[in-house]
Amino acid sequence: IIETDGLLEFTINGETIPGPETMI
């Protein structure tokens, strides 16, 4: 189970949106 902070970023039409805290 990996923390996504610093690994993943998500944007919609250039606007940043929050993503999940972990990936499994």
PDBML (XML) file of the C-alpha atoms, coordinates in Angstrom:
<?xml version="1.0" encoding="UTF-8" ?>
<PDBx:datablock datablockName="MODEL"
   xmlns:PDBx="http://pdbml.pdb.org/schema/pdbx-v50.xsd"
   xmlns:xsi="http://www.w3.org/2001/XMLSchema-instance"
   xsi:schemaLocation="http://pdbml.pdb.org/schema/pdbx-v50.xsd pdbx-v50.xsd">
   <PDBx:atom_siteCategory>
      <PDBx:atom_site id="1">
         <PDBx:B_iso_or_equiv>0.00</PDBx:B_iso_or_equiv>
         <PDBx:Cartn_x>0.000</PDBx:Cartn_x>
         <PDBx:Cartn_y>0.000</PDBx:Cartn_y>
         <PDBx:Cartn_z>0.000</PDBx:Cartn_z>
         <PDBx:auth_asym_id>A</PDBx:auth_asym_id>
         <PDBx:auth_atom_id>CA</PDBx:auth_atom_id>
         <PDBx:auth_comp_id>ILE</PDBx:auth_comp_id>
         <PDBx:auth_seq_id>1</PDBx:auth_seq_id>
         <PDBx:group_PDB>ATOM</PDBx:group_PDB>
         <PDBx:label_alt_id xsi:nil="true" />
         <PDBx:label_asym_id>A</PDBx:label_asym_id>
         <PDBx:label_atom_id>CA</PDBx:label_atom_id>
         <PDBx:label_comp_id>ILE</PDBx:label_comp_id>
         <PDBx:label_entity_id>1</PDBx:label_entity_id>
         <PDBx:label_seq_id>1</PDBx:label_seq_id>
         <PDBx:occupancy>1.00</PDBx:occupancy>
         <PDBx:pdbx_PDB_model_num>1</PDBx:pdbx_PDB_model_num>
         <PDBx:type_symbol>C</PDBx:type_symbol>
      </PDBx:atom_site>
      <PDBx:atom_site id="2">
         <PDBx:B_iso_or_equiv>0.00</PDBx:B_iso_or_equiv>
         <PDBx:Cartn_x>1.775</PDBx:Cartn_x>
         <PDBx:Cartn_y>3.116</PDBx:Cartn_y>
         <PDBx:Cartn_z>-1.274</PDBx:Cartn_z>
         <PDBx:auth_asym_id>A</PDBx:auth_asym_id>
         <PDBx:auth_atom_id>CA</PDBx:auth_atom_id>
         <PDBx:auth_comp_id>ILE</PDBx:auth_comp_id>
         <PDBx:auth_seq_id>2</PDBx:auth_seq_id>
         <PDBx:group_PDB>ATOM</PDBx:group_PDB>
         <PDBx:label_alt_id xsi:nil="true" />
         <PDBx:label_asym_id>A</PDBx:label_asym_id>
         <PDBx:label_atom_id>CA</PDBx:label_atom_id>
         <PDBx:label_comp_id>ILE</PDBx:label_comp_id>
         <PDBx:label_entity_id>1</PDBx:label_entity_id>
         <PDBx:label_seq_id>2</PDBx:label_seq_id>
         <PDBx:occupancy>1.00</PDBx:occupancy>
         <PDBx:pdbx_PDB_model_num>1</PDBx:pdbx_PDB_model_num>
         <PDBx:type_symbol>C</PDBx:type_symbol>
      </PDBx:atom_site>
      <PDBx:atom_site id="3">
         <PDBx:B_iso_or_equiv>0.00</PDBx:B_iso_or_equiv>
         <PDBx:Cartn_x>1.119</PDBx:Cartn_x>
         <PDBx:Cartn_y>6.724</PDBx:Cartn_y>
         <PDBx:Cartn_z>-0.251</PDBx:Cartn_z>
         <PDBx:auth_asym_id>A</PDBx:auth_asym_id>
         <PDBx:auth_atom_id>CA</PDBx:auth_atom_id>
         <PDBx:auth_comp_id>GLU</PDBx:auth_comp_id>
         <PDBx:auth_seq_id>3</PDBx:auth_seq_id>
         <PDBx:group_PDB>ATOM</PDBx:group_PDB>
         <PDBx:label_alt_id xsi:nil="true" />
         <PDBx:label_asym_id>A</PDBx:label_asym_id>
         <PDBx:label_atom_id>CA</PDBx:label_atom_id>
         <PDBx:label_comp_id>GLU</PDBx:label_comp_id>
         <PDBx:label_entity_id>1</PDBx:label_entity_id>
         <PDBx:label_seq_id>3</PDBx:label_seq_id>
         <PDBx:occupancy>1.00</PDBx:occupancy>
         <PDBx:pdbx_PDB_model_num>1</PDBx:pdbx_PDB_model_num>
         <PDBx:type_symbol>C</PDBx:type_symbol>
      </PDBx:atom_site>
      <PDBx:atom_site id="4">
         <PDBx:B_iso_or_equiv>0.00</PDBx:B_iso_or_equiv>
         <PDBx:Cartn_x>0.507</PDBx:Cartn_x>
         <PDBx:Cartn_y>8.830</PDBx:Cartn_y>
         <PDBx:Cartn_z>-3.344</PDBx:Cartn_z>
         <PDBx:auth_asym_id>A</PDBx:auth_asym_id>
         <PDBx:auth_atom_id>CA</PDBx:auth_atom_id>
         <PDBx:auth_comp_id>THR</PDBx:auth_comp_id>
         <PDBx:auth_seq_id>4</PDBx:auth_seq_id>
         <PDBx:group_PDB>ATOM</PDBx:group_PDB>
         <PDBx:label_alt_id xsi:nil="true" />
         <PDBx:label_asym_id>A</PDBx:label_asym_id>
         <PDBx:label_atom_id>CA</PDBx:label_atom_id>
         <PDBx:label_comp_id>THR</PDBx:label_comp_id>
         <PDBx:label_entity_id>1</PDBx:label_entity_id>
         <PDBx:label_seq_id>4</PDBx:label_seq_id>
         <PDBx:occupancy>1.00</PDBx:occupancy>
         <PDBx:pdbx_PDB_model_num>1</PDBx:pdbx_PDB_model_num>
         <PDBx:type_symbol>C</PDBx:type_symbol>
      </PDBx:atom_site>
      <PDBx:atom_site id="5">
         <PDBx:B_iso_or_equiv>0.00</PDBx:B_iso_or_equiv>
         <PDBx:Cartn_x>1.763</PDBx:Cartn_x>
         <PDBx:Cartn_y>12.149</PDBx:Cartn_y>
         <PDBx:Cartn_z>-1.940</PDBx:Cartn_z>
         <PDBx:auth_asym_id>A</PDBx:auth_asym_id>
         <PDBx:auth_atom_id>CA</PDBx:auth_atom_id>
         <PDBx:auth_comp_id>ASP</PDBx:auth_comp_id>
         <PDBx:auth_seq_id>5</PDBx:auth_seq_id>
         <PDBx:group_PDB>ATOM</PDBx:group_PDB>
         <PDBx:label_alt_id xsi:nil="true" />
         <PDBx:label_asym_id>A</PDBx:label_asym_id>
         <PDBx:label_atom_id>CA</PDBx:label_atom_id>
         <PDBx:label_comp_id>ASP</PDBx:label_comp_id>
         <PDBx:label_entity_id>1</PDBx:label_entity_id>
         <PDBx:label_seq_id>5</PDBx:label_seq_id>
         <PDBx:occupancy>1.00</PDBx:occupancy>
         <PDBx:pdbx_PDB_model_num>1</PDBx:pdbx_PDB_model_num>
         <PDBx:type_symbol>C</PDBx:type_symbol>
      </PDBx:atom_site>
      <PDBx:atom_site id="6">
         <PDBx:B_iso_or_equiv>0.00</PDBx:B_iso_or_equiv>
         <PDBx:Cartn_x>4.551</PDBx:Cartn_x>
         <PDBx:Cartn_y>13.301</PDBx:Cartn_y>
         <PDBx:Cartn_z>-4.234</PDBx:Cartn_z>
         <PDBx:auth_asym_id>A</PDBx:auth_asym_id>
         <PDBx:auth_atom_id>CA</PDBx:auth_atom_id>
         <PDBx:auth_comp_id>GLY</PDBx:auth_comp_id>
         <PDBx:auth_seq_id>6</PDBx:auth_seq_id>
         <PDBx:group_PDB>ATOM</PDBx:group_PDB>
         <PDBx:label_alt_id xsi:nil="true" />
         <PDBx:label_asym_id>A</PDBx:label_asym_id>
         <PDBx:label_atom_id>CA</PDBx:label_atom_id>
         <PDBx:label_comp_id>GLY</PDBx:label_comp_id>
         <PDBx:label_entity_id>1</PDBx:label_entity_id>
         <PDBx:label_seq_id>6</PDBx:label_seq_id>
         <PDBx:occupancy>1.00</PDBx:occupancy>
         <PDBx:pdbx_PDB_model_num>1</PDBx:pdbx_PDB_model_num>
         <PDBx:type_symbol>C</PDBx:type_symbol>
      </PDBx:atom_site>
      <PDBx:atom_site id="7">
         <PDBx:B_iso_or_equiv>0.00</PDBx:B_iso_or_equiv>
         <PDBx:Cartn_x>3.866</PDBx:Cartn_x>
         <PDBx:Cartn_y>10.514</PDBx:Cartn_y>
         <PDBx:Cartn_z>-6.720</PDBx:Cartn_z>
         <PDBx:auth_asym_id>A</PDBx:auth_asym_id>
         <PDBx:auth_atom_id>CA</PDBx:auth_atom_id>
         <PDBx:auth_comp_id>LEU</PDBx:auth_comp_id>
         <PDBx:auth_seq_id>7</PDBx:auth_seq_id>
         <PDBx:group_PDB>ATOM</PDBx:group_PDB>
         <PDBx:label_alt_id xsi:nil="true" />
         <PDBx:label_asym_id>A</PDBx:label_asym_id>
         <PDBx:label_atom_id>CA</PDBx:label_atom_id>
         <PDBx:label_comp_id>LEU</PDBx:label_comp_id>
         <PDBx:label_entity_id>1</PDBx:label_entity_id>
         <PDBx:label_seq_id>7</PDBx:label_seq_id>
         <PDBx:occupancy>1.00</PDBx:occupancy>
         <PDBx:pdbx_PDB_model_num>1</PDBx:pdbx_PDB_model_num>
         <PDBx:type_symbol>C</PDBx:type_symbol>
      </PDBx:atom_site>
      <PDBx:atom_site id="8">
         <PDBx:B_iso_or_equiv>0.00</PDBx:B_iso_or_equiv>
         <PDBx:Cartn_x>0.514</PDBx:Cartn_x>
         <PDBx:Cartn_y>11.333</PDBx:Cartn_y>
         <PDBx:Cartn_z>-8.337</PDBx:Cartn_z>
         <PDBx:auth_asym_id>A</PDBx:auth_asym_id>
         <PDBx:auth_atom_id>CA</PDBx:auth_atom_id>
         <PDBx:auth_comp_id>LEU</PDBx:auth_comp_id>
         <PDBx:auth_seq_id>8</PDBx:auth_seq_id>
         <PDBx:group_PDB>ATOM</PDBx:group_PDB>
         <PDBx:label_alt_id xsi:nil="true" />
         <PDBx:label_asym_id>A</PDBx:label_asym_id>
         <PDBx:label_atom_id>CA</PDBx:label_atom_id>
         <PDBx:label_comp_id>LEU</PDBx:label_comp_id>
         <PDBx:label_entity_id>1</PDBx:label_entity_id>
         <PDBx:label_seq_id>8</PDBx:label_seq_id>
         <PDBx:occupancy>1.00</PDBx:occupancy>
         <PDBx:pdbx_PDB_model_num>1</PDBx:pdbx_PDB_model_num>
         <PDBx:type_symbol>C</PDBx:type_symbol>
      </PDBx:atom_site>
      <PDBx:atom_site id="9">
         <PDBx:B_iso_or_equiv>0.00</PDBx:B_iso_or_equiv>
         <PDBx:Cartn_x>-1.118</PDBx:Cartn_x>
         <PDBx:Cartn_y>14.544</PDBx:Cartn_y>
         <PDBx:Cartn_z>-9.510</PDBx:Cartn_z>
         <PDBx:auth_asym_id>A</PDBx:auth_asym_id>
         <PDBx:auth_atom_id>CA</PDBx:auth_atom_id>
         <PDBx:auth_comp_id>GLU</PDBx:auth_comp_id>
         <PDBx:auth_seq_id>9</PDBx:auth_seq_id>
         <PDBx:group_PDB>ATOM</PDBx:group_PDB>
         <PDBx:label_alt_id xsi:nil="true" />
         <PDBx:label_asym_id>A</PDBx:label_asym_id>
         <PDBx:label_atom_id>CA</PDBx:label_atom_id>
         <PDBx:label_comp_id>GLU</PDBx:label_comp_id>
         <PDBx:label_entity_id>1</PDBx:label_entity_id>
         <PDBx:label_seq_id>9</PDBx:label_seq_id>
         <PDBx:occupancy>1.00</PDBx:occupancy>
         <PDBx:pdbx_PDB_model_num>1</PDBx:pdbx_PDB_model_num>
         <PDBx:type_symbol>C</PDBx:type_symbol>
      </PDBx:atom_site>
      <PDBx:atom_site id="10">
         <PDBx:B_iso_or_equiv>0.00</PDBx:B_iso_or_equiv>
         <PDBx:Cartn_x>-4.538</PDBx:Cartn_x>
         <PDBx:Cartn_y>14.915</PDBx:Cartn_y>
         <PDBx:Cartn_z>-11.129</PDBx:Cartn_z>
         <PDBx:auth_asym_id>A</PDBx:auth_asym_id>
         <PDBx:auth_atom_id>CA</PDBx:auth_atom_id>
         <PDBx:auth_comp_id>PHE</PDBx:auth_comp_id>
         <PDBx:auth_seq_id>10</PDBx:auth_seq_id>
         <PDBx:group_PDB>ATOM</PDBx:group_PDB>
         <PDBx:label_alt_id xsi:nil="true" />
         <PDBx:label_asym_id>A</PDBx:label_asym_id>
         <PDBx:label_atom_id>CA</PDBx:label_atom_id>
         <PDBx:label_comp_id>PHE</PDBx:label_comp_id>
         <PDBx:label_entity_id>1</PDBx:label_entity_id>
         <PDBx:label_seq_id>10</PDBx:label_seq_id>
         <PDBx:occupancy>1.00</PDBx:occupancy>
         <PDBx:pdbx_PDB_model_num>1</PDBx:pdbx_PDB_model_num>
         <PDBx:type_symbol>C</PDBx:type_symbol>
      </PDBx:atom_site>
      <PDBx:atom_site id="11">
         <PDBx:B_iso_or_equiv>0.00</PDBx:B_iso_or_equiv>
         <PDBx:Cartn_x>-5.965</PDBx:Cartn_x>
         <PDBx:Cartn_y>17.820</PDBx:Cartn_y>
         <PDBx:Cartn_z>-13.116</PDBx:Cartn_z>
         <PDBx:auth_asym_id>A</PDBx:auth_asym_id>
         <PDBx:auth_atom_id>CA</PDBx:auth_atom_id>
         <PDBx:auth_comp_id>THR</PDBx:auth_comp_id>
         <PDBx:auth_seq_id>11</PDBx:auth_seq_id>
         <PDBx:group_PDB>ATOM</PDBx:group_PDB>
         <PDBx:label_alt_id xsi:nil="true" />
         <PDBx:label_asym_id>A</PDBx:label_asym_id>
         <PDBx:label_atom_id>CA</PDBx:label_atom_id>
         <PDBx:label_comp_id>THR</PDBx:label_comp_id>
         <PDBx:label_entity_id>1</PDBx:label_entity_id>
         <PDBx:label_seq_id>11</PDBx:label_seq_id>
         <PDBx:occupancy>1.00</PDBx:occupancy>
         <PDBx:pdbx_PDB_model_num>1</PDBx:pdbx_PDB_model_num>
         <PDBx:type_symbol>C</PDBx:type_symbol>
      </PDBx:atom_site>
      <PDBx:atom_site id="12">
         <PDBx:B_iso_or_equiv>0.00</PDBx:B_iso_or_equiv>
         <PDBx:Cartn_x>-9.187</PDBx:Cartn_x>
         <PDBx:Cartn_y>18.400</PDBx:Cartn_y>
         <PDBx:Cartn_z>-15.034</PDBx:Cartn_z>
         <PDBx:auth_asym_id>A</PDBx:auth_asym_id>
         <PDBx:auth_atom_id>CA</PDBx:auth_atom_id>
         <PDBx:auth_comp_id>ILE</PDBx:auth_comp_id>
         <PDBx:auth_seq_id>12</PDBx:auth_seq_id>
         <PDBx:group_PDB>ATOM</PDBx:group_PDB>
         <PDBx:label_alt_id xsi:nil="true" />
         <PDBx:label_asym_id>A</PDBx:label_asym_id>
         <PDBx:label_atom_id>CA</PDBx:label_atom_id>
         <PDBx:label_comp_id>ILE</PDBx:label_comp_id>
         <PDBx:label_entity_id>1</PDBx:label_entity_id>
         <PDBx:label_seq_id>12</PDBx:label_seq_id>
         <PDBx:occupancy>1.00</PDBx:occupancy>
         <PDBx:pdbx_PDB_model_num>1</PDBx:pdbx_PDB_model_num>
         <PDBx:type_symbol>C</PDBx:type_symbol>
      </PDBx:atom_site>
      <PDBx:atom_site id="13">
         <PDBx:B_iso_or_equiv>0.00</PDBx:B_iso_or_equiv>
         <PDBx:Cartn_x>-8.890</PDBx:Cartn_x>
         <PDBx:Cartn_y>20.934</PDBx:Cartn_y>
         <PDBx:Cartn_z>-17.840</PDBx:Cartn_z>
         <PDBx:auth_asym_id>A</PDBx:auth_asym_id>
         <PDBx:auth_atom_id>CA</PDBx:auth_atom_id>
         <PDBx:auth_comp_id>ASN</PDBx:auth_comp_id>
         <PDBx:auth_seq_id>13</PDBx:auth_seq_id>
         <PDBx:group_PDB>ATOM</PDBx:group_PDB>
         <PDBx:label_alt_id xsi:nil="true" />
         <PDBx:label_asym_id>A</PDBx:label_asym_id>
         <PDBx:label_atom_id>CA</PDBx:label_atom_id>
         <PDBx:label_comp_id>ASN</PDBx:label_comp_id>
         <PDBx:label_entity_id>1</PDBx:label_entity_id>
         <PDBx:label_seq_id>13</PDBx:label_seq_id>
         <PDBx:occupancy>1.00</PDBx:occupancy>
         <PDBx:pdbx_PDB_model_num>1</PDBx:pdbx_PDB_model_num>
         <PDBx:type_symbol>C</PDBx:type_symbol>
      </PDBx:atom_site>
      <PDBx:atom_site id="14">
         <PDBx:B_iso_or_equiv>0.00</PDBx:B_iso_or_equiv>
         <PDBx:Cartn_x>-5.720</PDBx:Cartn_x>
         <PDBx:Cartn_y>22.173</PDBx:Cartn_y>
         <PDBx:Cartn_z>-16.141</PDBx:Cartn_z>
         <PDBx:auth_asym_id>A</PDBx:auth_asym_id>
         <PDBx:auth_atom_id>CA</PDBx:auth_atom_id>
         <PDBx:auth_comp_id>GLY</PDBx:auth_comp_id>
         <PDBx:auth_seq_id>14</PDBx:auth_seq_id>
         <PDBx:group_PDB>ATOM</PDBx:group_PDB>
         <PDBx:label_alt_id xsi:nil="true" />
         <PDBx:label_asym_id>A</PDBx:label_asym_id>
         <PDBx:label_atom_id>CA</PDBx:label_atom_id>
         <PDBx:label_comp_id>GLY</PDBx:label_comp_id>
         <PDBx:label_entity_id>1</PDBx:label_entity_id>
         <PDBx:label_seq_id>14</PDBx:label_seq_id>
         <PDBx:occupancy>1.00</PDBx:occupancy>
         <PDBx:pdbx_PDB_model_num>1</PDBx:pdbx_PDB_model_num>
         <PDBx:type_symbol>C</PDBx:type_symbol>
      </PDBx:atom_site>
      <PDBx:atom_site id="15">
         <PDBx:B_iso_or_equiv>0.00</PDBx:B_iso_or_equiv>
         <PDBx:Cartn_x>-7.265</PDBx:Cartn_x>
         <PDBx:Cartn_y>22.594</PDBx:Cartn_y>
         <PDBx:Cartn_z>-12.678</PDBx:Cartn_z>
         <PDBx:auth_asym_id>A</PDBx:auth_asym_id>
         <PDBx:auth_atom_id>CA</PDBx:auth_atom_id>
         <PDBx:auth_comp_id>GLU</PDBx:auth_comp_id>
         <PDBx:auth_seq_id>15</PDBx:auth_seq_id>
         <PDBx:group_PDB>ATOM</PDBx:group_PDB>
         <PDBx:label_alt_id xsi:nil="true" />
         <PDBx:label_asym_id>A</PDBx:label_asym_id>
         <PDBx:label_atom_id>CA</PDBx:label_atom_id>
         <PDBx:label_comp_id>GLU</PDBx:label_comp_id>
         <PDBx:label_entity_id>1</PDBx:label_entity_id>
         <PDBx:label_seq_id>15</PDBx:label_seq_id>
         <PDBx:occupancy>1.00</PDBx:occupancy>
         <PDBx:pdbx_PDB_model_num>1</PDBx:pdbx_PDB_model_num>
         <PDBx:type_symbol>C</PDBx:type_symbol>
      </PDBx:atom_site>
      <PDBx:atom_site id="16">
         <PDBx:B_iso_or_equiv>0.00</PDBx:B_iso_or_equiv>
         <PDBx:Cartn_x>-5.764</PDBx:Cartn_x>
         <PDBx:Cartn_y>20.496</PDBx:Cartn_y>
         <PDBx:Cartn_z>-9.886</PDBx:Cartn_z>
         <PDBx:auth_asym_id>A</PDBx:auth_asym_id>
         <PDBx:auth_atom_id>CA</PDBx:auth_atom_id>
         <PDBx:auth_comp_id>THR</PDBx:auth_comp_id>
         <PDBx:auth_seq_id>16</PDBx:auth_seq_id>
         <PDBx:group_PDB>ATOM</PDBx:group_PDB>
         <PDBx:label_alt_id xsi:nil="true" />
         <PDBx:label_asym_id>A</PDBx:label_asym_id>
         <PDBx:label_atom_id>CA</PDBx:label_atom_id>
         <PDBx:label_comp_id>THR</PDBx:label_comp_id>
         <PDBx:label_entity_id>1</PDBx:label_entity_id>
         <PDBx:label_seq_id>16</PDBx:label_seq_id>
         <PDBx:occupancy>1.00</PDBx:occupancy>
         <PDBx:pdbx_PDB_model_num>1</PDBx:pdbx_PDB_model_num>
         <PDBx:type_symbol>C</PDBx:type_symbol>
      </PDBx:atom_site>
      <PDBx:atom_site id="17">
         <PDBx:B_iso_or_equiv>0.00</PDBx:B_iso_or_equiv>
         <PDBx:Cartn_x>-8.151</PDBx:Cartn_x>
         <PDBx:Cartn_y>18.139</PDBx:Cartn_y>
         <PDBx:Cartn_z>-8.093</PDBx:Cartn_z>
         <PDBx:auth_asym_id>A</PDBx:auth_asym_id>
         <PDBx:auth_atom_id>CA</PDBx:auth_atom_id>
         <PDBx:auth_comp_id>ILE</PDBx:auth_comp_id>
         <PDBx:auth_seq_id>17</PDBx:auth_seq_id>
         <PDBx:group_PDB>ATOM</PDBx:group_PDB>
         <PDBx:label_alt_id xsi:nil="true" />
         <PDBx:label_asym_id>A</PDBx:label_asym_id>
         <PDBx:label_atom_id>CA</PDBx:label_atom_id>
         <PDBx:label_comp_id>ILE</PDBx:label_comp_id>
         <PDBx:label_entity_id>1</PDBx:label_entity_id>
         <PDBx:label_seq_id>17</PDBx:label_seq_id>
         <PDBx:occupancy>1.00</PDBx:occupancy>
         <PDBx:pdbx_PDB_model_num>1</PDBx:pdbx_PDB_model_num>
         <PDBx:type_symbol>C</PDBx:type_symbol>
      </PDBx:atom_site>
      <PDBx:atom_site id="18">
         <PDBx:B_iso_or_equiv>0.00</PDBx:B_iso_or_equiv>
         <PDBx:Cartn_x>-7.512</PDBx:Cartn_x>
         <PDBx:Cartn_y>16.021</PDBx:Cartn_y>
         <PDBx:Cartn_z>-4.991</PDBx:Cartn_z>
         <PDBx:auth_asym_id>A</PDBx:auth_asym_id>
         <PDBx:auth_atom_id>CA</PDBx:auth_atom_id>
         <PDBx:auth_comp_id>PRO</PDBx:auth_comp_id>
         <PDBx:auth_seq_id>18</PDBx:auth_seq_id>
         <PDBx:group_PDB>ATOM</PDBx:group_PDB>
         <PDBx:label_alt_id xsi:nil="true" />
         <PDBx:label_asym_id>A</PDBx:label_asym_id>
         <PDBx:label_atom_id>CA</PDBx:label_atom_id>
         <PDBx:label_comp_id>PRO</PDBx:label_comp_id>
         <PDBx:label_entity_id>1</PDBx:label_entity_id>
         <PDBx:label_seq_id>18</PDBx:label_seq_id>
         <PDBx:occupancy>1.00</PDBx:occupancy>
         <PDBx:pdbx_PDB_model_num>1</PDBx:pdbx_PDB_model_num>
         <PDBx:type_symbol>C</PDBx:type_symbol>
      </PDBx:atom_site>
      <PDBx:atom_site id="19">
         <PDBx:B_iso_or_equiv>0.00</PDBx:B_iso_or_equiv>
         <PDBx:Cartn_x>-6.661</PDBx:Cartn_x>
         <PDBx:Cartn_y>12.374</PDBx:Cartn_y>
         <PDBx:Cartn_z>-5.523</PDBx:Cartn_z>
         <PDBx:auth_asym_id>A</PDBx:auth_asym_id>
         <PDBx:auth_atom_id>CA</PDBx:auth_atom_id>
         <PDBx:auth_comp_id>GLY</PDBx:auth_comp_id>
         <PDBx:auth_seq_id>19</PDBx:auth_seq_id>
         <PDBx:group_PDB>ATOM</PDBx:group_PDB>
         <PDBx:label_alt_id xsi:nil="true" />
         <PDBx:label_asym_id>A</PDBx:label_asym_id>
         <PDBx:label_atom_id>CA</PDBx:label_atom_id>
         <PDBx:label_comp_id>GLY</PDBx:label_comp_id>
         <PDBx:label_entity_id>1</PDBx:label_entity_id>
         <PDBx:label_seq_id>19</PDBx:label_seq_id>
         <PDBx:occupancy>1.00</PDBx:occupancy>
         <PDBx:pdbx_PDB_model_num>1</PDBx:pdbx_PDB_model_num>
         <PDBx:type_symbol>C</PDBx:type_symbol>
      </PDBx:atom_site>
      <PDBx:atom_site id="20">
         <PDBx:B_iso_or_equiv>0.00</PDBx:B_iso_or_equiv>
         <PDBx:Cartn_x>-6.600</PDBx:Cartn_x>
         <PDBx:Cartn_y>9.277</PDBx:Cartn_y>
         <PDBx:Cartn_z>-3.310</PDBx:Cartn_z>
         <PDBx:auth_asym_id>A</PDBx:auth_asym_id>
         <PDBx:auth_atom_id>CA</PDBx:auth_atom_id>
         <PDBx:auth_comp_id>PRO</PDBx:auth_comp_id>
         <PDBx:auth_seq_id>20</PDBx:auth_seq_id>
         <PDBx:group_PDB>ATOM</PDBx:group_PDB>
         <PDBx:label_alt_id xsi:nil="true" />
         <PDBx:label_asym_id>A</PDBx:label_asym_id>
         <PDBx:label_atom_id>CA</PDBx:label_atom_id>
         <PDBx:label_comp_id>PRO</PDBx:label_comp_id>
         <PDBx:label_entity_id>1</PDBx:label_entity_id>
         <PDBx:label_seq_id>20</PDBx:label_seq_id>
         <PDBx:occupancy>1.00</PDBx:occupancy>
         <PDBx:pdbx_PDB_model_num>1</PDBx:pdbx_PDB_model_num>
         <PDBx:type_symbol>C</PDBx:type_symbol>
      </PDBx:atom_site>
      <PDBx:atom_site id="21">
         <PDBx:B_iso_or_equiv>0.00</PDBx:B_iso_or_equiv>
         <PDBx:Cartn_x>-4.118</PDBx:Cartn_x>
         <PDBx:Cartn_y>9.186</PDBx:Cartn_y>
         <PDBx:Cartn_z>-0.442</PDBx:Cartn_z>
         <PDBx:auth_asym_id>A</PDBx:auth_asym_id>
         <PDBx:auth_atom_id>CA</PDBx:auth_atom_id>
         <PDBx:auth_comp_id>GLU</PDBx:auth_comp_id>
         <PDBx:auth_seq_id>21</PDBx:auth_seq_id>
         <PDBx:group_PDB>ATOM</PDBx:group_PDB>
         <PDBx:label_alt_id xsi:nil="true" />
         <PDBx:label_asym_id>A</PDBx:label_asym_id>
         <PDBx:label_atom_id>CA</PDBx:label_atom_id>
         <PDBx:label_comp_id>GLU</PDBx:label_comp_id>
         <PDBx:label_entity_id>1</PDBx:label_entity_id>
         <PDBx:label_seq_id>21</PDBx:label_seq_id>
         <PDBx:occupancy>1.00</PDBx:occupancy>
         <PDBx:pdbx_PDB_model_num>1</PDBx:pdbx_PDB_model_num>
         <PDBx:type_symbol>C</PDBx:type_symbol>
      </PDBx:atom_site>
      <PDBx:atom_site id="22">
         <PDBx:B_iso_or_equiv>0.00</PDBx:B_iso_or_equiv>
         <PDBx:Cartn_x>-2.947</PDBx:Cartn_x>
         <PDBx:Cartn_y>5.663</PDBx:Cartn_y>
         <PDBx:Cartn_z>-1.226</PDBx:Cartn_z>
         <PDBx:auth_asym_id>A</PDBx:auth_asym_id>
         <PDBx:auth_atom_id>CA</PDBx:auth_atom_id>
         <PDBx:auth_comp_id>THR</PDBx:auth_comp_id>
         <PDBx:auth_seq_id>22</PDBx:auth_seq_id>
         <PDBx:group_PDB>ATOM</PDBx:group_PDB>
         <PDBx:label_alt_id xsi:nil="true" />
         <PDBx:label_asym_id>A</PDBx:label_asym_id>
         <PDBx:label_atom_id>CA</PDBx:label_atom_id>
         <PDBx:label_comp_id>THR</PDBx:label_comp_id>
         <PDBx:label_entity_id>1</PDBx:label_entity_id>
         <PDBx:label_seq_id>22</PDBx:label_seq_id>
         <PDBx:occupancy>1.00</PDBx:occupancy>
         <PDBx:pdbx_PDB_model_num>1</PDBx:pdbx_PDB_model_num>
         <PDBx:type_symbol>C</PDBx:type_symbol>
      </PDBx:atom_site>
      <PDBx:atom_site id="23">
         <PDBx:B_iso_or_equiv>0.00</PDBx:B_iso_or_equiv>
         <PDBx:Cartn_x>-2.808</PDBx:Cartn_x>
         <PDBx:Cartn_y>3.138</PDBx:Cartn_y>
         <PDBx:Cartn_z>-4.047</PDBx:Cartn_z>
         <PDBx:auth_asym_id>A</PDBx:auth_asym_id>
         <PDBx:auth_atom_id>CA</PDBx:auth_atom_id>
         <PDBx:auth_comp_id>MET</PDBx:auth_comp_id>
         <PDBx:auth_seq_id>23</PDBx:auth_seq_id>
         <PDBx:group_PDB>ATOM</PDBx:group_PDB>
         <PDBx:label_alt_id xsi:nil="true" />
         <PDBx:label_asym_id>A</PDBx:label_asym_id>
         <PDBx:label_atom_id>CA</PDBx:label_atom_id>
         <PDBx:label_comp_id>MET</PDBx:label_comp_id>
         <PDBx:label_entity_id>1</PDBx:label_entity_id>
         <PDBx:label_seq_id>23</PDBx:label_seq_id>
         <PDBx:occupancy>1.00</PDBx:occupancy>
         <PDBx:pdbx_PDB_model_num>1</PDBx:pdbx_PDB_model_num>
         <PDBx:type_symbol>C</PDBx:type_symbol>
      </PDBx:atom_site>
      <PDBx:atom_site id="24">
         <PDBx:B_iso_or_equiv>0.00</PDBx:B_iso_or_equiv>
         <PDBx:Cartn_x>-2.864</PDBx:Cartn_x>
         <PDBx:Cartn_y>-0.606</PDBx:Cartn_y>
         <PDBx:Cartn_z>-3.455</PDBx:Cartn_z>
         <PDBx:auth_asym_id>A</PDBx:auth_asym_id>
         <PDBx:auth_atom_id>CA</PDBx:auth_atom_id>
         <PDBx:auth_comp_id>ILE</PDBx:auth_comp_id>
         <PDBx:auth_seq_id>24</PDBx:auth_seq_id>
         <PDBx:group_PDB>ATOM</PDBx:group_PDB>
         <PDBx:label_alt_id xsi:nil="true" />
         <PDBx:label_asym_id>A</PDBx:label_asym_id>
         <PDBx:label_atom_id>CA</PDBx:label_atom_id>
         <PDBx:label_comp_id>ILE</PDBx:label_comp_id>
         <PDBx:label_entity_id>1</PDBx:label_entity_id>
         <PDBx:label_seq_id>24</PDBx:label_seq_id>
         <PDBx:occupancy>1.00</PDBx:occupancy>
         <PDBx:pdbx_PDB_model_num>1</PDBx:pdbx_PDB_model_num>
         <PDBx:type_symbol>C</PDBx:type_symbol>
      </PDBx:atom_site>
   </PDBx:atom_siteCategory>
</PDBx:datablock>
